[in-house]
Amino acid sequence: MTTPALRRGLRTLGTLLITLSAISPASSVFIIAPGVLAGAGTGAFLSFAAAAVVGVFMAFVYAELASAFPLAGGEYAIVARTLGRLPGFAVLGLMIITQVLIVAVIALGAGTYLGVLWPGLPGPAVAAGTCLLAAVVGVFDIKLNAWVTGFCLAVEILALVVVSGLGLAHPARPVTDLLVHPVGADGGPATVGAIAIATSVAMFAYNGYGSAVYFGEETQDAPRGIARAILLALGITVVAELVPVTAVLLGAPDLGALFGAENMVSAFVSARSGSTLDTVLSLAVALAIVNAVLAIVLISSRLVFSSGRDRAWPGPVSRALAAVHPRFGTPWVATAGTGVVAAVLCYVDPHVLLVVTSTSIVAVYAALCLGAIAGRRTGTTAHAPYRMPWYPVAPVLALAVLVFVGYQNVLDPAVGRPSLFVTAGIVLVAAAYYGVVLRRRGGWRLAEDSTEELPRA
């Protein structure tokens, strides 16, 4: 039987544009960054800086692994080839749940920002419509989607330049205050623990640079192009998010009013320039959210498509999810299904995202770091054109930071500890499914592996 294949319609630039759109720096600054500020106060600067350091380590790891295995399955396909099938399927369980949840919760932000122009918009309905629209557009040719996301990305970057200018042009405090005397949102000193917990949220704000690997089967010269796209995506993301966050912390006239605002960045813009500019930027953020939903639907559908092609589910379901559109060369059933499920999840409490994804990201990062080390040790990644510098510094230091962040999450009874239980629960369910279903039917044979042997769990 012929293995379903996607069409190679992207160059590195197109892959980079979709990846940056999925990260959506504007959405991160306006929607996720306030959570970091609420947790760490002005210590959010240190949280974002620490997350950037972890990001550099993880980008090296991602780039080498993606260069070796530029597959639509992304993280789970890589872990399955470096650590074994069972760990790979556990990562699939984590990713397939968190990816679709991320689509829904980001889409919920569209109603919030469009409400600036049309007050009273039903947020869940707007979000669900956004998911369905993204699914329709996502079925079309991948090159068209790259141009659409690229145009919207330019608009959101311009919005971040404006926010940065507002804060840096008229700073209310020196940058040394952020480095030496960070204060918490309650006015007291920002603690190391609070900054560390906020770092895990900042990591989520940067997260997505590794998503370039999902387009490995649609990118020309993928082993080299995907590695470049990952490294460029991280660098651009750090600048696009860290600079405006720093500008807000430096330029806010009143930190108490900033931390007490329902929408911190919008409150900062209004305080500095009035409501008109805030309205314009809110529309830009709404466009960025719609763009991010489209990009993440594209990514998530590749993950779902790959899981079907790898026969992770019952036969009829797997065959349907692995269907490729005859004209556009895209995974059209997986794309449509992702949009529909995300639309339904738009009616779920957004707090679920933070609980489910907070530790899941840490767990997936840790698996990739271990995969990079195992790949070097066993030689399974020896064919990768890109090799990370200073090996094994990146995976070892990243693991150390991830352990510390995980420990701080254990100490947090509100979000961190429940997130650990949810992550552990997903892994256990995935392991049970693997053992009861996949092993009993003869093991999990990945579709792309017709000639190579995978390490067995």
Protein backbone atom coordinates (compact mmCIF):
# COMPACT_ATOMS: atom_id res chain seq x y z
CA MET A 1 0.00 0.00 0.00
CA THR A 2 1.34 3.45 -0.95
CA THR A 3 2.22 5.66 2.02
CA PRO A 4 0.28 8.96 1.88
CA ALA A 5 2.63 11.83 1.05
CA LEU A 6 2.31 15.61 1.32
CA ARG A 7 3.35 18.00 -1.45
CA ARG A 8 6.66 19.87 -1.12
CA GLY A 9 5.42 23.38 -1.84
CA LEU A 10 7.42 25.39 0.70
CA ARG A 11 10.83 26.99 0.80
CA THR A 12 12.52 27.85 4.10
CA LEU A 13 10.99 31.35 4.12
CA GLY A 14 7.46 30.00 3.81
CA THR A 15 8.06 27.55 6.65
CA LEU A 16 9.49 30.37 8.77
CA LEU A 17 6.45 32.60 8.15
CA ILE A 18 3.99 29.91 9.21
CA THR A 19 6.12 29.03 12.26
CA LEU A 20 6.31 32.66 13.43
CA SER A 21 2.59 33.05 12.84
CA ALA A 22 1.93 30.05 15.08
CA ILE A 23 4.09 31.55 17.83
CA SER A 24 2.25 34.85 17.24
CA PRO A 25 4.49 37.30 19.13
CA ALA A 26 1.69 39.89 19.36
CA SER A 27 -0.73 37.39 20.89
CA SER A 28 1.98 36.33 23.33
CA VAL A 29 2.69 39.91 24.38
CA PHE A 30 -0.95 40.96 24.74
CA ILE A 31 -2.44 37.71 26.09
CA ILE A 32 0.27 35.50 27.67
CA ALA A 33 2.78 38.09 28.93
CA PRO A 34 0.25 39.64 31.37
CA GLY A 35 0.18 36.26 33.14
CA VAL A 36 3.96 36.48 33.56
CA LEU A 37 3.66 40.05 34.85
CA ALA A 38 0.92 39.07 37.30
CA GLY A 39 3.09 36.27 38.68
CA ALA A 40 6.50 37.97 38.78
CA GLY A 41 5.85 41.73 38.55
CA THR A 42 8.83 43.51 37.07
CA GLY A 43 10.68 40.23 37.60
CA ALA A 44 8.89 39.24 34.38
CA PHE A 45 11.89 40.71 32.56
CA LEU A 46 14.14 38.10 34.22
CA SER A 47 11.54 35.40 33.51
CA PHE A 48 11.48 36.23 29.80
CA ALA A 49 15.28 36.50 29.70
CA ALA A 50 15.68 33.10 31.41
CA ALA A 51 13.10 31.57 29.07
CA ALA A 52 15.11 32.95 26.13
CA VAL A 53 18.25 31.18 27.39
CA VAL A 54 16.32 27.91 27.68
CA GLY A 55 14.94 28.66 24.22
CA VAL A 56 18.45 28.86 22.74
CA PHE A 57 19.36 25.49 24.23
CA MET A 58 16.09 23.95 23.06
CA ALA A 59 16.42 25.48 19.58
CA PHE A 60 19.80 23.77 19.18
CA VAL A 61 18.22 20.48 20.28
CA TYR A 62 15.20 20.93 18.01
CA ALA A 63 17.34 21.93 15.03
CA GLU A 64 19.59 18.86 15.23
CA LEU A 65 16.73 16.42 15.78
CA ALA A 66 14.56 18.01 13.09
CA SER A 67 17.51 17.97 10.70
CA ALA A 68 17.77 14.22 11.27
CA PHE A 69 14.01 13.55 11.16
CA PRO A 70 12.09 16.32 9.32
CA LEU A 71 8.76 14.53 9.62
CA ALA A 72 5.15 15.69 9.89
CA GLY A 73 4.80 13.91 13.23
CA GLY A 74 7.11 16.42 14.88
CA GLU A 75 8.16 15.68 18.45
CA TYR A 76 6.55 12.26 18.77
CA ALA A 77 8.12 11.01 15.53
CA ILE A 78 11.54 12.21 16.75
CA VAL A 79 11.25 10.72 20.24
CA ALA A 80 10.02 7.39 18.82
CA ARG A 81 13.17 7.18 16.70
CA THR A 82 15.63 8.18 19.43
CA LEU A 83 14.15 6.85 22.69
CA GLY A 84 11.76 4.15 21.49
CA ARG A 85 8.15 3.61 20.51
CA LEU A 86 6.59 3.81 23.98
CA PRO A 87 8.12 7.20 24.87
CA GLY A 88 7.21 8.38 21.37
CA PHE A 89 3.58 7.41 21.84
CA ALA A 90 3.50 9.12 25.26
CA VAL A 91 4.70 12.32 23.58
CA LEU A 92 2.03 11.86 20.90
CA GLY A 93 -0.58 11.71 23.66
CA LEU A 94 0.70 14.94 25.21
CA MET A 95 1.01 16.79 21.92
CA ILE A 96 -2.28 15.78 20.33
CA ILE A 97 -4.23 17.00 23.38
CA THR A 98 -2.30 20.22 24.03
CA GLN A 99 -2.13 21.28 20.37
CA VAL A 100 -5.89 21.22 19.84
CA LEU A 101 -6.50 22.91 23.20
CA ILE A 102 -4.05 25.65 22.22
CA VAL A 103 -6.01 26.30 19.02
CA ALA A 104 -9.24 26.76 20.99
CA VAL A 105 -7.89 28.97 23.74
CA ILE A 106 -5.97 31.26 21.39
CA ALA A 107 -9.11 31.58 19.28
CA LEU A 108 -10.98 32.78 22.37
CA GLY A 109 -8.76 35.86 22.33
CA ALA A 110 -10.24 36.95 18.99
CA GLY A 111 -13.60 37.74 20.57
CA THR A 112 -11.92 39.66 23.37
CA TYR A 113 -10.09 42.02 21.03
CA LEU A 114 -12.83 42.33 18.43
CA GLY A 115 -15.07 43.32 21.34
CA VAL A 116 -13.24 46.65 21.35
CA LEU A 117 -15.15 47.54 18.18
CA TRP A 118 -18.26 45.45 18.74
CA PRO A 119 -18.97 45.21 22.47
CA GLY A 120 -20.98 42.23 23.57
CA LEU A 121 -19.66 39.81 20.96
CA PRO A 122 -20.18 36.23 22.16
CA GLY A 123 -16.57 35.15 22.71
CA PRO A 124 -16.97 31.36 22.35
CA ALA A 125 -19.04 31.71 19.19
CA VAL A 126 -16.48 34.05 17.59
CA ALA A 127 -13.68 31.67 18.61
CA ALA A 128 -15.50 28.64 17.20
CA GLY A 129 -16.12 30.48 13.92
CA THR A 130 -12.44 31.41 13.77
CA CYS A 131 -11.43 27.75 14.16
CA LEU A 132 -13.80 26.63 11.43
CA LEU A 133 -12.62 29.39 9.07
CA ALA A 134 -9.01 28.41 9.72
CA ALA A 135 -9.83 24.79 8.90
CA VAL A 136 -11.39 25.79 5.57
CA VAL A 137 -8.42 27.96 4.56
CA GLY A 138 -5.98 25.33 5.85
CA VAL A 139 -7.20 22.76 3.33
CA PHE A 140 -5.89 24.88 0.45
CA ASP A 141 -2.34 24.75 -0.94
CA ILE A 142 0.36 25.18 1.71
CA LYS A 143 2.11 27.89 -0.34
CA LEU A 144 -1.06 30.02 -0.31
CA ASN A 145 -1.29 29.59 3.46
CA ALA A 146 2.32 30.72 3.83
CA TRP A 147 1.57 33.99 2.00
CA VAL A 148 -1.62 34.59 4.00
CA THR A 149 0.14 34.05 7.32
CA GLY A 150 3.11 36.15 6.19
CA PHE A 151 0.93 39.20 5.44
CA CYS A 152 -0.84 38.97 8.80
CA LEU A 153 2.49 38.48 10.57
CA ALA A 154 3.79 41.77 9.15
CA VAL A 155 0.80 43.59 10.69
CA GLU A 156 1.36 42.15 14.16
CA ILE A 157 5.10 42.89 14.11
CA LEU A 158 4.25 46.51 13.28
CA ALA A 159 1.92 46.61 16.31
CA LEU A 160 4.75 45.39 18.56
CA VAL A 161 7.09 48.06 17.17
CA VAL A 162 4.52 50.69 18.18
CA VAL A 163 4.21 49.28 21.73
CA SER A 164 8.00 49.18 22.07
CA GLY A 165 8.31 52.77 20.92
CA LEU A 166 5.75 53.97 23.46
CA GLY A 167 7.71 52.53 26.36
CA LEU A 168 11.30 53.04 25.29
CA ALA A 169 10.80 56.63 24.12
CA HIS A 170 9.64 57.80 27.58
CA PRO A 171 10.87 55.38 30.28
CA ALA A 172 9.50 55.94 33.77
CA ARG A 173 12.28 53.95 35.50
CA PRO A 174 15.80 52.72 34.70
CA VAL A 175 16.45 49.25 33.37
CA THR A 176 18.58 48.52 36.45
CA ASP A 177 15.34 48.38 38.48
CA LEU A 178 14.30 45.34 36.47
CA LEU A 179 17.67 43.65 36.93
CA VAL A 180 18.58 44.46 40.54
CA HIS A 181 15.34 45.34 42.34
CA PRO A 182 12.44 43.50 40.70
CA VAL A 183 9.15 44.02 42.50
CA GLY A 184 6.18 41.68 42.58
CA ALA A 185 2.68 42.51 41.43
CA ASP A 186 1.74 43.04 45.09
CA GLY A 187 4.42 45.70 45.53
CA GLY A 188 6.85 43.54 47.51
CA PRO A 189 10.11 42.07 46.23
CA ALA A 190 9.73 39.51 43.45
CA THR A 191 10.87 36.13 44.82
CA VAL A 192 13.07 33.64 43.03
CA GLY A 193 10.24 31.10 43.17
CA ALA A 194 7.75 33.50 41.59
CA ILE A 195 10.21 34.37 38.82
CA ALA A 196 10.90 30.66 38.20
CA ILE A 197 7.21 29.75 37.97
CA ALA A 198 6.64 32.72 35.66
CA THR A 199 9.54 31.44 33.55
CA SER A 200 7.52 28.35 32.64
CA VAL A 201 4.75 30.65 31.35
CA ALA A 202 7.33 32.74 29.47
CA MET A 203 8.62 29.52 27.90
CA PHE A 204 5.08 28.92 26.67
CA ALA A 205 5.02 32.47 25.21
CA TYR A 206 8.14 31.68 23.16
CA ASN A 207 7.05 28.13 22.42
CA GLY A 208 6.46 27.15 18.81
CA TYR A 209 9.82 27.70 17.09
CA GLY A 210 10.22 23.93 16.91
CA SER A 211 6.91 23.70 15.03
CA ALA A 212 8.82 24.17 11.79
CA VAL A 213 9.53 20.43 11.88
CA TYR A 214 5.86 19.68 11.17
CA PHE A 215 6.37 21.07 7.67
CA GLY A 216 9.46 18.93 7.03
CA GLU A 217 7.65 16.84 4.44
CA GLU A 218 6.45 19.96 2.61
CA THR A 219 9.71 21.96 2.66
CA GLN A 220 12.36 21.72 -0.03
CA ASP A 221 15.80 20.63 1.24
CA ALA A 222 14.11 19.97 4.58
CA PRO A 223 17.10 18.63 6.60
CA ARG A 224 18.87 21.98 6.23
CA GLY A 225 15.89 24.29 5.73
CA ILE A 226 14.00 23.17 8.84
CA ALA A 227 17.04 23.65 11.08
CA ARG A 228 17.51 27.19 9.75
CA ALA A 229 13.82 27.97 10.18
CA ILE A 230 13.88 26.83 13.83
CA LEU A 231 16.91 28.94 14.76
CA LEU A 232 15.62 32.02 12.92
CA ALA A 233 12.15 31.62 14.45
CA LEU A 234 13.54 31.62 17.98
CA GLY A 235 15.77 34.65 17.40
CA ILE A 236 12.98 36.72 15.87
CA THR A 237 10.52 35.64 18.56
CA VAL A 238 12.76 36.60 21.47
CA VAL A 239 13.35 40.07 20.05
CA ALA A 240 9.69 40.54 19.09
CA GLU A 241 8.47 39.64 22.61
CA LEU A 242 11.23 40.62 25.03
CA VAL A 243 11.61 44.16 23.69
CA PRO A 244 7.93 45.21 24.00
CA VAL A 245 7.56 43.50 27.41
CA THR A 246 10.63 45.39 28.62
CA ALA A 247 9.22 48.59 27.14
CA VAL A 248 5.94 48.16 29.03
CA LEU A 249 7.75 47.55 32.34
CA LEU A 250 10.03 50.55 31.81
CA GLY A 251 7.42 52.92 30.42
CA ALA A 252 4.37 52.23 32.61
CA PRO A 253 3.61 55.46 34.54
CA ASP A 254 2.16 53.52 37.50
CA LEU A 255 3.17 49.90 38.12
CA GLY A 256 0.32 49.39 40.58
CA ALA A 257 -2.24 50.46 37.98
CA LEU A 258 -0.50 48.31 35.36
CA PHE A 259 -0.54 45.13 37.46
CA GLY A 260 -4.10 45.77 38.58
CA ALA A 261 -5.48 46.25 35.06
CA GLU A 262 -7.65 43.57 33.48
CA ASN A 263 -5.71 43.91 30.20
CA MET A 264 -2.24 45.12 31.13
CA VAL A 265 -0.77 45.90 27.72
CA SER A 266 -3.92 47.67 26.53
CA ALA A 267 -3.95 49.68 29.77
CA PHE A 268 -0.34 50.69 29.11
CA VAL A 269 -1.12 51.77 25.54
CA SER A 270 -4.15 53.79 26.69
CA ALA A 271 -2.14 55.46 29.46
CA ARG A 272 0.61 56.45 27.05
CA SER A 273 -1.31 57.44 23.93
CA GLY A 274 -5.08 57.27 24.45
CA SER A 275 -7.90 54.94 23.49
CA THR A 276 -7.75 55.46 19.71
CA LEU A 277 -4.34 53.82 19.32
CA ASP A 278 -5.41 51.10 21.73
CA THR A 279 -8.37 50.34 19.44
CA VAL A 280 -6.12 50.16 16.37
CA LEU A 281 -3.65 47.87 18.13
CA SER A 282 -6.49 45.71 19.45
CA LEU A 283 -7.61 45.12 15.87
CA ALA A 284 -4.04 44.21 14.92
CA VAL A 285 -3.95 41.72 17.80
CA ALA A 286 -7.30 40.26 16.70
CA LEU A 287 -5.81 39.72 13.22
CA ALA A 288 -2.73 38.16 14.82
CA ILE A 289 -4.94 35.77 16.78
CA VAL A 290 -6.85 34.70 13.68
CA ASN A 291 -3.50 34.23 11.92
CA ALA A 292 -2.16 32.18 14.83
CA VAL A 293 -5.24 29.98 14.82
CA LEU A 294 -4.72 29.29 11.10
CA ALA A 295 -1.02 28.49 11.59
CA ILE A 296 -1.63 26.22 14.59
CA VAL A 297 -4.43 24.41 12.76
CA LEU A 298 -1.91 23.77 9.96
CA ILE A 299 0.59 22.41 12.49
CA SER A 300 -1.92 20.36 14.48
CA SER A 301 -3.39 18.83 11.34
CA ARG A 302 0.06 17.57 10.30
CA LEU A 303 0.41 15.94 13.71
CA VAL A 304 -3.04 14.34 13.41
CA PHE A 305 -2.32 13.28 9.81
CA SER A 306 0.94 11.64 10.84
CA SER A 307 -0.72 9.77 13.70
CA GLY A 308 -3.26 8.37 11.23
CA ARG A 309 -0.58 7.47 8.69
CA ASP A 310 1.31 5.71 11.49
CA ARG A 311 -1.85 3.71 12.25
CA ALA A 312 -2.08 4.87 15.86
CA TRP A 313 -5.88 4.51 15.87
CA PRO A 314 -8.43 1.93 14.69
CA GLY A 315 -8.13 1.17 10.97
CA PRO A 316 -10.99 3.29 9.52
CA VAL A 317 -10.05 6.30 11.68
CA SER A 318 -6.35 6.08 10.77
CA ARG A 319 -7.11 5.78 7.05
CA ALA A 320 -9.41 8.80 7.14
CA LEU A 321 -6.93 10.98 9.02
CA ALA A 322 -4.16 10.03 6.59
CA ALA A 323 -6.14 11.18 3.54
CA VAL A 324 -4.37 13.73 1.31
CA HIS A 325 -6.33 16.16 -0.89
CA PRO A 326 -5.78 15.13 -4.55
CA ARG A 327 -5.49 18.72 -5.79
CA PHE A 328 -3.86 20.66 -2.94
CA GLY A 329 -1.67 17.90 -1.50
CA THR A 330 -2.75 18.74 2.07
CA PRO A 331 -4.12 16.52 4.87
CA TRP A 332 -7.69 17.71 4.38
CA VAL A 333 -9.56 15.33 6.71
CA ALA A 334 -7.08 15.93 9.56
CA THR A 335 -7.32 19.69 8.96
CA ALA A 336 -11.12 19.73 8.95
CA GLY A 337 -11.27 17.47 12.00
CA THR A 338 -8.83 19.64 13.92
CA GLY A 339 -10.92 22.74 13.22
CA VAL A 340 -14.17 21.10 14.27
CA VAL A 341 -12.77 19.69 17.53
CA ALA A 342 -11.12 23.02 18.37
CA ALA A 343 -14.42 24.82 17.70
CA VAL A 344 -16.18 22.58 20.22
CA LEU A 345 -13.42 23.14 22.78
CA CYS A 346 -13.93 26.90 22.52
CA TYR A 347 -16.79 26.42 24.97
CA VAL A 348 -14.46 24.94 27.61
CA ASP A 349 -12.99 27.05 30.44
CA PRO A 350 -9.74 28.67 29.15
CA HIS A 351 -8.09 27.92 32.51
CA VAL A 352 -7.88 24.31 31.33
CA LEU A 353 -5.15 25.31 28.84
CA LEU A 354 -2.80 26.58 31.54
CA VAL A 355 -3.29 23.47 33.67
CA VAL A 356 -2.88 21.02 30.78
CA THR A 357 -0.02 22.68 28.89
CA SER A 358 2.16 24.13 31.65
CA THR A 359 3.97 20.90 32.58
CA SER A 360 3.28 19.12 29.28
CA ILE A 361 5.66 21.47 27.49
CA VAL A 362 8.35 20.82 30.11
CA ALA A 363 7.87 17.05 29.71
CA VAL A 364 8.10 17.20 25.90
CA TYR A 365 11.19 19.42 26.06
CA ALA A 366 12.83 16.97 28.48
CA ALA A 367 12.06 14.03 26.16
CA LEU A 368 13.68 15.89 23.24
CA CYS A 369 16.80 16.65 25.29
CA LEU A 370 17.09 12.98 26.23
CA GLY A 371 16.45 12.10 22.58
CA ALA A 372 19.29 14.35 21.45
CA ILE A 373 21.68 12.68 23.90
CA ALA A 374 20.51 9.19 22.95
CA GLY A 375 20.72 10.05 19.25
CA ARG A 376 24.36 11.05 19.59
CA ARG A 377 25.17 8.01 21.72
CA THR A 378 23.54 5.44 19.41
CA GLY A 379 24.25 7.23 16.13
CA THR A 380 20.59 7.47 15.10
CA THR A 381 21.03 11.21 14.43
CA ALA A 382 24.48 10.94 12.86
CA HIS A 383 23.08 11.64 9.40
CA ALA A 384 21.73 15.08 10.40
CA PRO A 385 23.28 17.90 8.28
CA TYR A 386 22.93 20.28 11.25
CA ARG A 387 24.91 19.54 14.41
CA MET A 388 24.37 21.67 17.50
CA PRO A 389 27.41 23.61 18.79
CA TRP A 390 29.07 22.80 22.14
CA TYR A 391 27.35 19.43 22.53
CA PRO A 392 26.31 18.27 25.16
CA VAL A 393 25.98 21.72 26.77
CA ALA A 394 22.56 22.52 25.27
CA PRO A 395 20.61 19.37 26.21
CA VAL A 396 22.26 19.01 29.64
CA LEU A 397 21.73 22.63 30.72
CA ALA A 398 18.22 22.65 29.29
CA LEU A 399 17.41 19.54 31.31
CA ALA A 400 18.78 21.19 34.46
CA VAL A 401 16.58 24.24 33.95
CA LEU A 402 13.56 22.06 33.17
CA VAL A 403 14.06 20.08 36.38
CA PHE A 404 14.22 23.32 38.36
CA VAL A 405 11.07 24.69 36.70
CA GLY A 406 9.32 21.37 37.32
CA TYR A 407 10.31 21.49 40.99
CA GLN A 408 8.91 25.01 41.33
CA ASN A 409 5.68 23.80 39.72
CA VAL A 410 5.42 21.12 42.41
CA LEU A 411 5.48 23.89 45.01
CA ASP A 412 2.64 25.76 43.28
CA PRO A 413 -0.72 24.32 44.46
CA ALA A 414 -2.83 26.52 42.16
CA VAL A 415 -1.52 25.59 38.70
CA GLY A 416 1.80 23.76 38.82
CA ARG A 417 0.79 20.77 40.93
CA PRO A 418 -2.52 20.09 39.12
CA SER A 419 -0.64 20.42 35.82
CA LEU A 420 1.82 17.74 36.90
CA PHE A 421 -1.05 15.38 37.73
CA VAL A 422 -2.74 16.06 34.39
CA THR A 423 0.50 15.48 32.47
CA ALA A 424 1.16 12.25 34.38
CA GLY A 425 -2.41 11.13 33.72
CA ILE A 426 -2.08 11.71 29.96
CA VAL A 427 1.20 9.77 29.87
CA LEU A 428 -0.34 6.86 31.81
CA VAL A 429 -3.39 6.72 29.52
CA ALA A 430 -1.14 6.82 26.44
CA ALA A 431 1.06 4.06 27.88
CA ALA A 432 -2.00 1.94 28.66
CA TYR A 433 -3.35 2.39 25.11
CA TYR A 434 0.04 1.51 23.68
CA GLY A 435 0.29 -1.64 25.77
CA VAL A 436 -3.30 -2.84 25.44
CA VAL A 437 -4.04 -1.86 21.81
CA LEU A 438 -0.87 -1.29 19.79
CA ARG A 439 1.28 -4.05 21.27
CA ARG A 440 -1.54 -6.60 21.06
CA ARG A 441 -1.97 -5.96 17.36
CA GLY A 442 1.73 -6.51 16.71
CA GLY A 443 3.42 -3.26 17.75
CA TRP A 444 3.48 0.28 16.47
CA ARG A 445 5.12 0.35 13.06
CA LEU A 446 5.76 3.91 11.90
CA ALA A 447 4.75 4.36 8.28
CA GLU A 448 7.96 6.11 7.20
CA ASP A 449 10.13 3.32 8.55
CA SER A 450 10.15 0.70 5.83
CA THR A 451 13.87 -0.04 6.06
CA GLU A 452 15.08 1.03 9.52
CA GLU A 453 14.54 -0.58 12.88
CA LEU A 454 13.28 1.51 15.76
CA PRO A 455 14.53 0.99 19.30
CA ARG A 456 11.92 -1.06 21.10
CA ALA A 457 10.28 0.14 24.29
